[in-house]
PDB file of N, CA and C in Angstrom:
ATOM      1  N   UNK A   1       0.041  -0.169  17.381  1.00  0.00           N
ATOM      2  CA  UNK A   1       0.473   0.209  18.703  1.00  0.00           C
ATOM      3  C   UNK A   1       1.389  -0.857  19.298  1.00  0.00           C
ATOM      4  N   UNK A   2       1.040  -2.110  19.077  1.00  0.00           N
ATOM      5  CA  UNK A   2       1.855  -3.206  19.592  1.00  0.00           C
ATOM      6  C   UNK A   2       3.261  -3.153  18.988  1.00  0.00           C
ATOM      7  N   UNK A   3       3.324  -3.011  17.662  1.00  0.00           N
ATOM      8  CA  UNK A   3       4.633  -2.958  17.000  1.00  0.00           C
ATOM      9  C   UNK A   3       5.433  -1.760  17.487  1.00  0.00           C
ATOM     10  N   UNK A   4       4.786  -0.625  17.637  1.00  0.00           N
ATOM     11  CA  UNK A   4       5.473   0.581  18.106  1.00  0.00           C
ATOM     12  C   UNK A   4       6.040   0.363  19.502  1.00  0.00           C
ATOM     13  N   UNK A   5       5.253  -0.224  20.373  1.00  0.00           N
ATOM     14  CA  UNK A   5       5.744  -0.493  21.739  1.00  0.00           C
ATOM     15  C   UNK A   5       6.937  -1.441  21.712  1.00  0.00           C
ATOM     16  N   UNK A   6       6.813  -2.518  20.929  1.00  0.00           N
ATOM     17  CA  UNK A   6       7.903  -3.499  20.874  1.00  0.00           C
ATOM     18  C   UNK A   6       9.171  -2.899  20.275  1.00  0.00           C
ATOM     19  N   UNK A   7       9.013  -2.170  19.192  1.00  0.00           N
ATOM     20  CA  UNK A   7      10.177  -1.577  18.546  1.00  0.00           C
ATOM     21  C   UNK A   7      10.803  -0.503  19.424  1.00  0.00           C
ATOM     22  N   UNK A   8       9.996   0.247  20.131  1.00  0.00           N
ATOM     23  CA  UNK A   8      10.523   1.261  21.058  1.00  0.00           C
ATOM     24  C   UNK A   8      11.340   0.600  22.159  1.00  0.00           C
ATOM     25  N   UNK A   9      10.881  -0.562  22.602  1.00  0.00           N
ATOM     26  CA  UNK A   9      11.561  -1.241  23.710  1.00  0.00           C
ATOM     27  C   UNK A   9      12.961  -1.720  23.332  1.00  0.00           C
ATOM     28  N   UNK A  10      13.243  -1.824  22.042  1.00  0.00           N
ATOM     29  CA  UNK A  10      14.587  -2.235  21.617  1.00  0.00           C
ATOM     30  C   UNK A  10      15.336  -1.073  20.957  1.00  0.00           C
ATOM     31  N   UNK A  11      14.842   0.145  21.203  1.00  0.00           N
ATOM     32  CA  UNK A  11      15.469   1.363  20.671  1.00  0.00           C
ATOM     33  C   UNK A  11      15.618   1.336  19.159  1.00  0.00           C
ATOM     34  N   UNK A  12      14.609   0.820  18.492  1.00  0.00           N
ATOM     35  CA  UNK A  12      14.590   0.789  17.032  1.00  0.00           C
ATOM     36  C   UNK A  12      14.519   2.227  16.520  1.00  0.00           C
ATOM     37  N   UNK A  13      15.226   2.542  15.439  1.00  0.00           N
ATOM     38  CA  UNK A  13      15.227   3.927  14.935  1.00  0.00           C
ATOM     39  C   UNK A  13      13.815   4.434  14.636  1.00  0.00           C
ATOM     40  N   UNK A  14      13.537   5.658  15.054  1.00  0.00           N
ATOM     41  CA  UNK A  14      12.214   6.252  14.925  1.00  0.00           C
ATOM     42  C   UNK A  14      11.690   6.300  13.510  1.00  0.00           C
ATOM     43  N   UNK A  15      12.548   6.630  12.540  1.00  0.00           N
ATOM     44  CA  UNK A  15      12.081   6.718  11.155  1.00  0.00           C
ATOM     45  C   UNK A  15      11.659   5.347  10.620  1.00  0.00           C
ATOM     46  N   UNK A  16      12.401   4.317  11.000  1.00  0.00           N
ATOM     47  CA  UNK A  16      12.050   2.963  10.558  1.00  0.00           C
ATOM     48  C   UNK A  16      10.804   2.463  11.287  1.00  0.00           C
ATOM     49  N   UNK A  17      10.668   2.868  12.535  1.00  0.00           N
ATOM     50  CA  UNK A  17       9.481   2.495  13.290  1.00  0.00           C
ATOM     51  C   UNK A  17       8.247   3.160  12.677  1.00  0.00           C
ATOM     52  N   UNK A  18       8.376   4.404  12.253  1.00  0.00           N
ATOM     53  CA  UNK A  18       7.258   5.100  11.601  1.00  0.00           C
ATOM     54  C   UNK A  18       6.856   4.399  10.304  1.00  0.00           C
ATOM     55  N   UNK A  19       7.850   3.963   9.521  1.00  0.00           N
ATOM     56  CA  UNK A  19       7.548   3.251   8.283  1.00  0.00           C
ATOM     57  C   UNK A  19       6.828   1.942   8.587  1.00  0.00           C
ATOM     58  N   UNK A  20       7.286   1.237   9.593  1.00  0.00           N
ATOM     59  CA  UNK A  20       6.633  -0.021   9.989  1.00  0.00           C
ATOM     60  C   UNK A  20       5.174   0.239  10.352  1.00  0.00           C
ATOM     61  N   UNK A  21       4.939   1.275  11.116  1.00  0.00           N
ATOM     62  CA  UNK A  21       3.578   1.619  11.512  1.00  0.00           C
ATOM     63  C   UNK A  21       2.727   1.952  10.289  1.00  0.00           C
ATOM     64  N   UNK A  22       3.276   2.713   9.362  1.00  0.00           N
ATOM     65  CA  UNK A  22       2.549   3.070   8.140  1.00  0.00           C
ATOM     66  C   UNK A  22       2.233   1.831   7.306  1.00  0.00           C
ATOM     67  N   UNK A  23       3.181   0.893   7.253  1.00  0.00           N
ATOM     68  CA  UNK A  23       2.954  -0.331   6.494  1.00  0.00           C
ATOM     69  C   UNK A  23       1.805  -1.135   7.096  1.00  0.00           C
ATOM     70  N   UNK A  24       1.813  -1.271   8.394  1.00  0.00           N
ATOM     71  CA  UNK A  24       0.755  -2.039   9.058  1.00  0.00           C
ATOM     72  C   UNK A  24      -0.596  -1.361   8.860  1.00  0.00           C
ATOM     73  N   UNK A  25      -0.659  -0.053   9.055  1.00  0.00           N
ATOM     74  CA  UNK A  25      -1.918   0.675   8.896  1.00  0.00           C
ATOM     75  C   UNK A  25      -2.413   0.637   7.450  1.00  0.00           C
ATOM     76  N   UNK A  26      -1.499   0.554   6.492  1.00  0.00           N
ATOM     77  CA  UNK A  26      -1.889   0.507   5.078  1.00  0.00           C
ATOM     78  C   UNK A  26      -2.664  -0.764   4.744  1.00  0.00           C
ATOM     79  N   UNK A  27      -2.501  -1.814   5.541  1.00  0.00           N
ATOM     80  CA  UNK A  27      -3.237  -3.053   5.274  1.00  0.00           C
ATOM     81  C   UNK A  27      -4.698  -2.936   5.673  1.00  0.00           C
ATOM     82  N   UNK A  28      -5.072  -1.843   6.320  1.00  0.00           N
ATOM     83  CA  UNK A  28      -6.470  -1.659   6.719  1.00  0.00           C
ATOM     84  C   UNK A  28      -7.365  -1.430   5.514  1.00  0.00           C
ATOM     85  N   UNK A  29      -6.918  -0.606   4.566  1.00  0.00           N
ATOM     86  CA  UNK A  29      -7.785  -0.309   3.425  1.00  0.00           C
ATOM     87  C   UNK A  29      -7.099  -0.474   2.067  1.00  0.00           C
ATOM     88  N   UNK A  30      -5.810  -0.734   2.075  1.00  0.00           N
ATOM     89  CA  UNK A  30      -5.062  -1.021   0.845  1.00  0.00           C
ATOM     90  C   UNK A  30      -5.224   0.052  -0.234  1.00  0.00           C
ATOM     91  N   UNK A  31      -5.163   1.289   0.187  1.00  0.00           N
ATOM     92  CA  UNK A  31      -5.247   2.388  -0.762  1.00  0.00           C
ATOM     93  C   UNK A  31      -3.881   2.620  -1.404  1.00  0.00           C
ATOM     94  N   UNK A  32      -3.861   3.259  -2.570  1.00  0.00           N
ATOM     95  CA  UNK A  32      -2.577   3.533  -3.231  1.00  0.00           C
ATOM     96  C   UNK A  32      -1.638   4.350  -2.341  1.00  0.00           C
ATOM     97  N   UNK A  33      -0.376   4.100  -2.500  1.00  0.00           N
ATOM     98  CA  UNK A  33       0.659   4.820  -1.764  1.00  0.00           C
ATOM     99  C   UNK A  33       1.777   5.171  -2.734  1.00  0.00           C
ATOM    100  N   UNK A  34       2.471   6.231  -2.449  1.00  0.00           N
ATOM    101  CA  UNK A  34       3.640   6.594  -3.256  1.00  0.00           C
ATOM    102  C   UNK A  34       4.896   5.904  -2.745  1.00  0.00           C
ATOM    103  N   UNK A  35       4.820   5.321  -1.568  1.00  0.00           N
ATOM    104  CA  UNK A  35       5.972   4.676  -0.951  1.00  0.00           C
ATOM    105  C   UNK A  35       6.118   3.245  -1.475  1.00  0.00           C
ATOM    106  N   UNK A  36       7.249   2.947  -2.092  1.00  0.00           N
ATOM    107  CA  UNK A  36       7.493   1.626  -2.665  1.00  0.00           C
ATOM    108  C   UNK A  36       7.473   0.505  -1.647  1.00  0.00           C
ATOM    109  N   UNK A  37       7.995   0.770  -0.438  1.00  0.00           N
ATOM    110  CA  UNK A  37       7.982  -0.257   0.604  1.00  0.00           C
ATOM    111  C   UNK A  37       6.555  -0.589   1.031  1.00  0.00           C
ATOM    112  N   UNK A  38       5.724   0.429   1.120  1.00  0.00           N
ATOM    113  CA  UNK A  38       4.331   0.197   1.510  1.00  0.00           C
ATOM    114  C   UNK A  38       3.599  -0.561   0.406  1.00  0.00           C
ATOM    115  N   UNK A  39       3.845  -0.212  -0.847  1.00  0.00           N
ATOM    116  CA  UNK A  39       3.226  -0.941  -1.962  1.00  0.00           C
ATOM    117  C   UNK A  39       3.601  -2.423  -1.900  1.00  0.00           C
ATOM    118  N   UNK A  40       4.858  -2.691  -1.694  1.00  0.00           N
ATOM    119  CA  UNK A  40       5.330  -4.075  -1.631  1.00  0.00           C
ATOM    120  C   UNK A  40       4.732  -4.802  -0.429  1.00  0.00           C
ATOM    121  N   UNK A  41       4.675  -4.130   0.703  1.00  0.00           N
ATOM    122  CA  UNK A  41       4.118  -4.729   1.917  1.00  0.00           C
ATOM    123  C   UNK A  41       2.645  -5.083   1.730  1.00  0.00           C
ATOM    124  N   UNK A  42       1.858  -4.150   1.189  1.00  0.00           N
ATOM    125  CA  UNK A  42       0.430  -4.426   1.020  1.00  0.00           C
ATOM    126  C   UNK A  42       0.188  -5.465  -0.074  1.00  0.00           C
ATOM    127  N   UNK A  43       1.003  -5.446  -1.122  1.00  0.00           N
ATOM    128  CA  UNK A  43       0.860  -6.476  -2.158  1.00  0.00           C
ATOM    129  C   UNK A  43       1.164  -7.853  -1.595  1.00  0.00           C
ATOM    130  N   UNK A  44       2.168  -7.943  -0.776  1.00  0.00           N
ATOM    131  CA  UNK A  44       2.499  -9.221  -0.138  1.00  0.00           C
ATOM    132  C   UNK A  44       1.345  -9.673   0.751  1.00  0.00           C
ATOM    133  N   UNK A  45       0.774  -8.741   1.488  1.00  0.00           N
ATOM    134  CA  UNK A  45      -0.354  -9.037   2.357  1.00  0.00           C
ATOM    135  C   UNK A  45      -1.539  -9.598   1.568  1.00  0.00           C
ATOM    136  N   UNK A  46      -1.754  -9.075   0.368  1.00  0.00           N
ATOM    137  CA  UNK A  46      -2.902  -9.488  -0.443  1.00  0.00           C
ATOM    138  C   UNK A  46      -2.608 -10.651  -1.391  1.00  0.00           C
ATOM    139  N   UNK A  47      -1.396 -11.116  -1.435  1.00  0.00           N
ATOM    140  CA  UNK A  47      -1.028 -12.136  -2.425  1.00  0.00           C
ATOM    141  C   UNK A  47      -1.872 -13.403  -2.314  1.00  0.00           C
ATOM    142  N   UNK A  48      -2.439 -13.694  -1.152  1.00  0.00           N
ATOM    143  CA  UNK A  48      -3.306 -14.864  -0.996  1.00  0.00           C
ATOM    144  C   UNK A  48      -4.501 -14.781  -1.939  1.00  0.00           C
ATOM    145  N   UNK A  49      -4.934 -13.561  -2.261  1.00  0.00           N
ATOM    146  CA  UNK A  49      -6.096 -13.403  -3.139  1.00  0.00           C
ATOM    147  C   UNK A  49      -5.848 -13.954  -4.533  1.00  0.00           C
ATOM    148  N   UNK A  50      -4.608 -13.979  -4.957  1.00  0.00           N
ATOM    149  CA  UNK A  50      -4.272 -14.426  -6.303  1.00  0.00           C
ATOM    150  C   UNK A  50      -3.746 -15.847  -6.384  1.00  0.00           C
ATOM    151  N   UNK A  51      -3.925 -16.601  -5.337  1.00  0.00           N
ATOM    152  CA  UNK A  51      -3.469 -17.994  -5.329  1.00  0.00           C
ATOM    153  C   UNK A  51      -4.468 -18.875  -6.087  1.00  0.00           C
ATOM    154  N   UNK A  52      -4.063 -20.097  -6.428  1.00  0.00           N
ATOM    155  CA  UNK A  52      -5.014 -21.018  -7.063  1.00  0.00           C
ATOM    156  C   UNK A  52      -6.285 -21.128  -6.220  1.00  0.00           C
ATOM    157  N   UNK A  53      -7.399 -21.384  -6.890  1.00  0.00           N
ATOM    158  CA  UNK A  53      -8.704 -21.320  -6.230  1.00  0.00           C
ATOM    159  C   UNK A  53      -8.800 -22.230  -5.010  1.00  0.00           C
ATOM    160  N   UNK A  54      -8.209 -23.420  -5.048  1.00  0.00           N
ATOM    161  CA  UNK A  54      -8.291 -24.314  -3.888  1.00  0.00           C
ATOM    162  C   UNK A  54      -7.576 -23.725  -2.676  1.00  0.00           C
ATOM    163  N   UNK A  55      -6.464 -23.044  -2.902  1.00  0.00           N
ATOM    164  CA  UNK A  55      -5.738 -22.380  -1.813  1.00  0.00           C
ATOM    165  C   UNK A  55      -6.570 -21.199  -1.302  1.00  0.00           C
ATOM    166  N   UNK A  56      -7.136 -20.453  -2.229  1.00  0.00           N
ATOM    167  CA  UNK A  56      -7.969 -19.309  -1.854  1.00  0.00           C
ATOM    168  C   UNK A  56      -9.182 -19.753  -1.038  1.00  0.00           C
ATOM    169  N   UNK A  57      -9.816 -20.846  -1.405  1.00  0.00           N
ATOM    170  CA  UNK A  57     -10.989 -21.296  -0.654  1.00  0.00           C
ATOM    171  C   UNK A  57     -10.607 -21.752   0.765  1.00  0.00           C
ATOM    172  N   UNK A  58      -9.424 -22.316   0.913  1.00  0.00           N
ATOM    173  CA  UNK A  58      -8.942 -22.656   2.264  1.00  0.00           C
ATOM    174  C   UNK A  58      -8.796 -21.384   3.102  1.00  0.00           C
ATOM    175  N   UNK A  59      -8.243 -20.356   2.482  1.00  0.00           N
ATOM    176  CA  UNK A  59      -8.112 -19.057   3.141  1.00  0.00           C
ATOM    177  C   UNK A  59      -9.497 -18.534   3.546  1.00  0.00           C
ATOM    178  N   UNK A  60     -10.467 -18.638   2.655  1.00  0.00           N
ATOM    179  CA  UNK A  60     -11.832 -18.184   2.949  1.00  0.00           C
ATOM    180  C   UNK A  60     -12.413 -18.928   4.145  1.00  0.00           C
ATOM    181  N   UNK A  61     -12.157 -20.217   4.222  1.00  0.00           N
ATOM    182  CA  UNK A  61     -12.658 -21.002   5.351  1.00  0.00           C
ATOM    183  C   UNK A  61     -11.998 -20.556   6.652  1.00  0.00           C
ATOM    184  N   UNK A  62     -10.715 -20.198   6.581  1.00  0.00           N
ATOM    185  CA  UNK A  62     -10.017 -19.710   7.776  1.00  0.00           C
ATOM    186  C   UNK A  62     -10.581 -18.358   8.220  1.00  0.00           C
ATOM    187  N   UNK A  63     -10.895 -17.505   7.257  1.00  0.00           N
ATOM    188  CA  UNK A  63     -11.500 -16.207   7.574  1.00  0.00           C
ATOM    189  C   UNK A  63     -12.864 -16.434   8.234  1.00  0.00           C
ATOM    190  N   UNK A  64     -13.652 -17.337   7.653  1.00  0.00           N
ATOM    191  CA  UNK A  64     -14.980 -17.606   8.226  1.00  0.00           C
ATOM    192  C   UNK A  64     -14.851 -18.126   9.647  1.00  0.00           C
ATOM    193  N   UNK A  65     -13.874 -19.000   9.880  1.00  0.00           N
ATOM    194  CA  UNK A  65     -13.651 -19.544  11.222  1.00  0.00           C
ATOM    195  C   UNK A  65     -13.265 -18.426  12.188  1.00  0.00           C
ATOM    196  N   UNK A  66     -12.435 -17.503  11.729  1.00  0.00           N
ATOM    197  CA  UNK A  66     -12.013 -16.380  12.569  1.00  0.00           C
ATOM    198  C   UNK A  66     -13.213 -15.535  13.012  1.00  0.00           C
ATOM    199  N   UNK A  67     -14.208 -15.434  12.151  1.00  0.00           N
ATOM    200  CA  UNK A  67     -15.402 -14.639  12.441  1.00  0.00           C
ATOM    201  C   UNK A  67     -16.609 -15.523  12.757  1.00  0.00           C
ATOM    202  N   UNK A  68     -16.357 -16.692  13.304  1.00  0.00           N
ATOM    203  CA  UNK A  68     -17.422 -17.660  13.559  1.00  0.00           C
ATOM    204  C   UNK A  68     -18.421 -17.200  14.612  1.00  0.00           C
ATOM    205  N   UNK A  69     -18.099 -16.180  15.366  1.00  0.00           N
ATOM    206  CA  UNK A  69     -19.053 -15.680  16.360  1.00  0.00           C
ATOM    207  C   UNK A  69     -20.249 -15.003  15.697  1.00  0.00           C
ATOM    208  N   UNK A  70     -20.121 -14.662  14.406  1.00  0.00           N
ATOM    209  CA  UNK A  70     -21.204 -13.993  13.691  1.00  0.00           C
ATOM    210  C   UNK A  70     -22.033 -14.994  12.891  1.00  0.00           C
ATOM    211  N   UNK A  71     -23.341 -14.857  12.946  1.00  0.00           N
ATOM    212  CA  UNK A  71     -24.186 -15.722  12.109  1.00  0.00           C
ATOM    213  C   UNK A  71     -23.982 -15.376  10.639  1.00  0.00           C
ATOM    214  N   UNK A  72     -24.355 -16.295   9.761  1.00  0.00           N
ATOM    215  CA  UNK A  72     -24.117 -16.117   8.328  1.00  0.00           C
ATOM    216  C   UNK A  72     -24.650 -14.805   7.778  1.00  0.00           C
ATOM    217  N   UNK A  73     -25.857 -14.406   8.178  1.00  0.00           N
ATOM    218  CA  UNK A  73     -26.431 -13.200   7.573  1.00  0.00           C
ATOM    219  C   UNK A  73     -25.609 -11.952   7.912  1.00  0.00           C
ATOM    220  N   UNK A  74     -24.973 -11.915   9.056  1.00  0.00           N
ATOM    221  CA  UNK A  74     -24.111 -10.773   9.404  1.00  0.00           C
ATOM    222  C   UNK A  74     -22.757 -10.923   8.723  1.00  0.00           C
ATOM    223  N   UNK A  75     -22.173 -12.112   8.841  1.00  0.00           N
ATOM    224  CA  UNK A  75     -20.863 -12.337   8.224  1.00  0.00           C
ATOM    225  C   UNK A  75     -20.917 -12.099   6.710  1.00  0.00           C
ATOM    226  N   UNK A  76     -21.901 -12.683   6.056  1.00  0.00           N
ATOM    227  CA  UNK A  76     -21.982 -12.578   4.597  1.00  0.00           C
ATOM    228  C   UNK A  76     -22.102 -11.133   4.136  1.00  0.00           C
ATOM    229  N   UNK A  77     -22.898 -10.329   4.829  1.00  0.00           N
ATOM    230  CA  UNK A  77     -23.016  -8.919   4.452  1.00  0.00           C
ATOM    231  C   UNK A  77     -21.689  -8.184   4.604  1.00  0.00           C
ATOM    232  N   UNK A  78     -20.994  -8.431   5.699  1.00  0.00           N
ATOM    233  CA  UNK A  78     -19.688  -7.803   5.901  1.00  0.00           C
ATOM    234  C   UNK A  78     -18.658  -8.276   4.892  1.00  0.00           C
ATOM    235  N   UNK A  79     -18.672  -9.557   4.620  1.00  0.00           N
ATOM    236  CA  UNK A  79     -17.708 -10.119   3.669  1.00  0.00           C
ATOM    237  C   UNK A  79     -17.962  -9.577   2.264  1.00  0.00           C
ATOM    238  N   UNK A  80     -19.229  -9.429   1.890  1.00  0.00           N
ATOM    239  CA  UNK A  80     -19.552  -8.863   0.579  1.00  0.00           C
ATOM    240  C   UNK A  80     -18.986  -7.449   0.444  1.00  0.00           C
ATOM    241  N   UNK A  81     -19.058  -6.680   1.502  1.00  0.00           N
ATOM    242  CA  UNK A  81     -18.498  -5.320   1.472  1.00  0.00           C
ATOM    243  C   UNK A  81     -16.992  -5.355   1.232  1.00  0.00           C
ATOM    244  N   UNK A  82     -16.317  -6.272   1.899  1.00  0.00           N
ATOM    245  CA  UNK A  82     -14.870  -6.409   1.722  1.00  0.00           C
ATOM    246  C   UNK A  82     -14.550  -6.811   0.288  1.00  0.00           C
ATOM    247  N   UNK A  83     -15.243  -7.802  -0.214  1.00  0.00           N
ATOM    248  CA  UNK A  83     -14.998  -8.289  -1.572  1.00  0.00           C
ATOM    249  C   UNK A  83     -15.259  -7.188  -2.594  1.00  0.00           C
ATOM    250  N   UNK A  84     -16.362  -6.471  -2.432  1.00  0.00           N
ATOM    251  CA  UNK A  84     -16.674  -5.381  -3.356  1.00  0.00           C
ATOM    252  C   UNK A  84     -15.653  -4.250  -3.267  1.00  0.00           C
ATOM    253  N   UNK A  85     -15.142  -4.005  -2.072  1.00  0.00           N
ATOM    254  CA  UNK A  85     -14.097  -2.994  -1.907  1.00  0.00           C
ATOM    255  C   UNK A  85     -12.925  -3.305  -2.842  1.00  0.00           C
ATOM    256  N   UNK A  86     -12.475  -4.543  -2.820  1.00  0.00           N
ATOM    257  CA  UNK A  86     -11.343  -4.919  -3.670  1.00  0.00           C
ATOM    258  C   UNK A  86     -11.725  -4.959  -5.142  1.00  0.00           C
ATOM    259  N   UNK A  87     -12.887  -5.483  -5.445  1.00  0.00           N
ATOM    260  CA  UNK A  87     -13.305  -5.583  -6.850  1.00  0.00           C
ATOM    261  C   UNK A  87     -13.513  -4.214  -7.498  1.00  0.00           C
ATOM    262  N   UNK A  88     -13.826  -3.208  -6.718  1.00  0.00           N
ATOM    263  CA  UNK A  88     -14.023  -1.874  -7.273  1.00  0.00           C
ATOM    264  C   UNK A  88     -12.736  -1.054  -7.344  1.00  0.00           C
ATOM    265  N   UNK A  89     -11.645  -1.596  -6.843  1.00  0.00           N
ATOM    266  CA  UNK A  89     -10.365  -0.902  -6.968  1.00  0.00           C
ATOM    267  C   UNK A  89      -9.915  -0.925  -8.427  1.00  0.00           C
ATOM    268  N   UNK A  90      -9.275   0.140  -8.847  1.00  0.00           N
ATOM    269  CA  UNK A  90      -8.713   0.155 -10.195  1.00  0.00           C
ATOM    270  C   UNK A  90      -7.659  -0.939 -10.327  1.00  0.00           C
ATOM    271  N   UNK A  91      -6.832  -1.057  -9.313  1.00  0.00           N
ATOM    272  CA  UNK A  91      -5.811  -2.109  -9.233  1.00  0.00           C
ATOM    273  C   UNK A  91      -5.769  -2.617  -7.804  1.00  0.00           C
ATOM    274  N   UNK A  92      -5.856  -3.922  -7.639  1.00  0.00           N
ATOM    275  CA  UNK A  92      -5.700  -4.503  -6.308  1.00  0.00           C
ATOM    276  C   UNK A  92      -4.233  -4.443  -5.913  1.00  0.00           C
ATOM    277  N   UNK A  93      -3.373  -4.843  -6.821  1.00  0.00           N
ATOM    278  CA  UNK A  93      -1.941  -4.898  -6.567  1.00  0.00           C
ATOM    279  C   UNK A  93      -1.264  -3.656  -7.126  1.00  0.00           C
ATOM    280  N   UNK A  94      -0.409  -3.065  -6.331  1.00  0.00           N
ATOM    281  CA  UNK A  94       0.167  -1.768  -6.672  1.00  0.00           C
ATOM    282  C   UNK A  94       1.526  -1.844  -7.360  1.00  0.00           C
ATOM    283  N   UNK A  95       2.224  -2.961  -7.205  1.00  0.00           N
ATOM    284  CA  UNK A  95       3.530  -3.095  -7.861  1.00  0.00           C
ATOM    285  C   UNK A  95       3.355  -3.883  -9.160  1.00  0.00           C
ATOM    286  N   UNK A  96       4.157  -3.577 -10.173  1.00  0.00           N
ATOM    287  CA  UNK A  96       4.025  -4.299 -11.449  1.00  0.00           C
ATOM    288  C   UNK A  96       4.169  -5.816 -11.306  1.00  0.00           C
ATOM    289  N   UNK A  97       5.101  -6.261 -10.504  1.00  0.00           N
ATOM    290  CA  UNK A  97       5.337  -7.703 -10.352  1.00  0.00           C
ATOM    291  C   UNK A  97       4.109  -8.410  -9.792  1.00  0.00           C
ATOM    292  N   UNK A  98       3.552  -7.907  -8.703  1.00  0.00           N
ATOM    293  CA  UNK A  98       2.375  -8.531  -8.108  1.00  0.00           C
ATOM    294  C   UNK A  98       1.156  -8.368  -9.013  1.00  0.00           C
ATOM    295  N   UNK A  99       1.021  -7.206  -9.623  1.00  0.00           N
ATOM    296  CA  UNK A  99      -0.113  -6.971 -10.527  1.00  0.00           C
ATOM    297  C   UNK A  99      -0.105  -7.990 -11.665  1.00  0.00           C
ATOM    298  N   UNK A 100       1.034  -8.139 -12.307  1.00  0.00           N
ATOM    299  CA  UNK A 100       1.132  -9.064 -13.444  1.00  0.00           C
ATOM    300  C   UNK A 100       0.928 -10.516 -13.036  1.00  0.00           C
ATOM    301  N   UNK A 101       1.362 -10.855 -11.852  1.00  0.00           N
ATOM    302  CA  UNK A 101       1.277 -12.249 -11.421  1.00  0.00           C
ATOM    303  C   UNK A 101      -0.088 -12.614 -10.824  1.00  0.00           C
ATOM    304  N   UNK A 102      -0.731 -11.689 -10.103  1.00  0.00           N
ATOM    305  CA  UNK A 102      -1.896 -12.062  -9.302  1.00  0.00           C
ATOM    306  C   UNK A 102      -3.210 -11.359  -9.624  1.00  0.00           C
ATOM    307  N   UNK A 103      -3.190 -10.235 -10.312  1.00  0.00           N
ATOM    308  CA  UNK A 103      -4.402  -9.425 -10.460  1.00  0.00           C
ATOM    309  C   UNK A 103      -5.578 -10.194 -11.069  1.00  0.00           C
ATOM    310  N   UNK A 104      -5.360 -10.849 -12.188  1.00  0.00           N
ATOM    311  CA  UNK A 104      -6.455 -11.534 -12.876  1.00  0.00           C
ATOM    312  C   UNK A 104      -7.048 -12.639 -12.021  1.00  0.00           C
ATOM    313  N   UNK A 105      -6.194 -13.473 -11.460  1.00  0.00           N
ATOM    314  CA  UNK A 105      -6.688 -14.577 -10.631  1.00  0.00           C
ATOM    315  C   UNK A 105      -7.353 -14.052  -9.365  1.00  0.00           C
ATOM    316  N   UNK A 106      -6.809 -13.002  -8.774  1.00  0.00           N
ATOM    317  CA  UNK A 106      -7.418 -12.431  -7.564  1.00  0.00           C
ATOM    318  C   UNK A 106      -8.836 -11.961  -7.857  1.00  0.00           C
ATOM    319  N   UNK A 107      -9.019 -11.264  -8.954  1.00  0.00           N
ATOM    320  CA  UNK A 107     -10.359 -10.781  -9.307  1.00  0.00           C
ATOM    321  C   UNK A 107     -11.317 -11.952  -9.547  1.00  0.00           C
ATOM    322  N   UNK A 108     -10.830 -12.991 -10.169  1.00  0.00           N
ATOM    323  CA  UNK A 108     -11.650 -14.179 -10.400  1.00  0.00           C
ATOM    324  C   UNK A 108     -12.031 -14.839  -9.076  1.00  0.00           C
ATOM    325  N   UNK A 109     -11.070 -14.985  -8.180  1.00  0.00           N
ATOM    326  CA  UNK A 109     -11.339 -15.588  -6.869  1.00  0.00           C
ATOM    327  C   UNK A 109     -12.336 -14.760  -6.069  1.00  0.00           C
ATOM    328  N   UNK A 110     -12.131 -13.458  -6.042  1.00  0.00           N
ATOM    329  CA  UNK A 110     -13.029 -12.578  -5.293  1.00  0.00           C
ATOM    330  C   UNK A 110     -14.442 -12.633  -5.852  1.00  0.00           C
ATOM    331  N   UNK A 111     -14.547 -12.622  -7.179  1.00  0.00           N
ATOM    332  CA  UNK A 111     -15.867 -12.678  -7.821  1.00  0.00           C
ATOM    333  C   UNK A 111     -16.562 -14.001  -7.519  1.00  0.00           C
ATOM    334  N   UNK A 112     -15.821 -15.091  -7.564  1.00  0.00           N
ATOM    335  CA  UNK A 112     -16.399 -16.411  -7.273  1.00  0.00           C
ATOM    336  C   UNK A 112     -16.891 -16.485  -5.824  1.00  0.00           C
ATOM    337  N   UNK A 113     -16.103 -15.940  -4.908  1.00  0.00           N
ATOM    338  CA  UNK A 113     -16.544 -15.942  -3.519  1.00  0.00           C
ATOM    339  C   UNK A 113     -17.789 -15.062  -3.353  1.00  0.00           C
ATOM    340  N   UNK A 114     -17.799 -13.923  -4.007  1.00  0.00           N
ATOM    341  CA  UNK A 114     -18.954 -13.035  -3.906  1.00  0.00           C
ATOM    342  C   UNK A 114     -20.231 -13.742  -4.390  1.00  0.00           C
ATOM    343  N   UNK A 115     -20.133 -14.427  -5.499  1.00  0.00           N
ATOM    344  CA  UNK A 115     -21.288 -15.168  -6.036  1.00  0.00           C
ATOM    345  C   UNK A 115     -21.735 -16.240  -5.040  1.00  0.00           C
ATOM    346  N   UNK A 116     -20.780 -16.873  -4.373  1.00  0.00           N
ATOM    347  CA  UNK A 116     -21.130 -17.938  -3.418  1.00  0.00           C
ATOM    348  C   UNK A 116     -21.867 -17.403  -2.200  1.00  0.00           C
ATOM    349  N   UNK A 117     -21.740 -16.112  -1.936  1.00  0.00           N
ATOM    350  CA  UNK A 117     -22.392 -15.507  -0.772  1.00  0.00           C
ATOM    351  C   UNK A 117     -23.776 -14.953  -1.090  1.00  0.00           C
ATOM    352  N   UNK A 118     -24.152 -14.944  -2.375  1.00  0.00           N
ATOM    353  CA  UNK A 118     -25.453 -14.379  -2.762  1.00  0.00           C
ATOM    354  C   UNK A 118     -26.595 -15.314  -2.452  1.00  0.00           C
TER     355      UNK A 118
END
């Protein structure tokens, strides 16, 4: 909604604004899309998952800080659901380039974090 309001205020073309909205909404669940721009956008969004483990753990600490209002037992249960969501996907990354570069490491990072929450 924020992006739509901002883009409308500068008379951004409606079709491009719709694509922007679809790209942002696609980051909610990262489901497959037939749109190449959306695939690239969501893969870019998830690329942190496939970074070296030390970078990934820094990201995890930032996520935990963002949700610091929740005690561990609530946060950990929610985080496990997120991790399992990605681990149960056939492919986390939808484009060949991101898949080849990040898929294996992302799955390893997600699995390691999941084990740390048990």
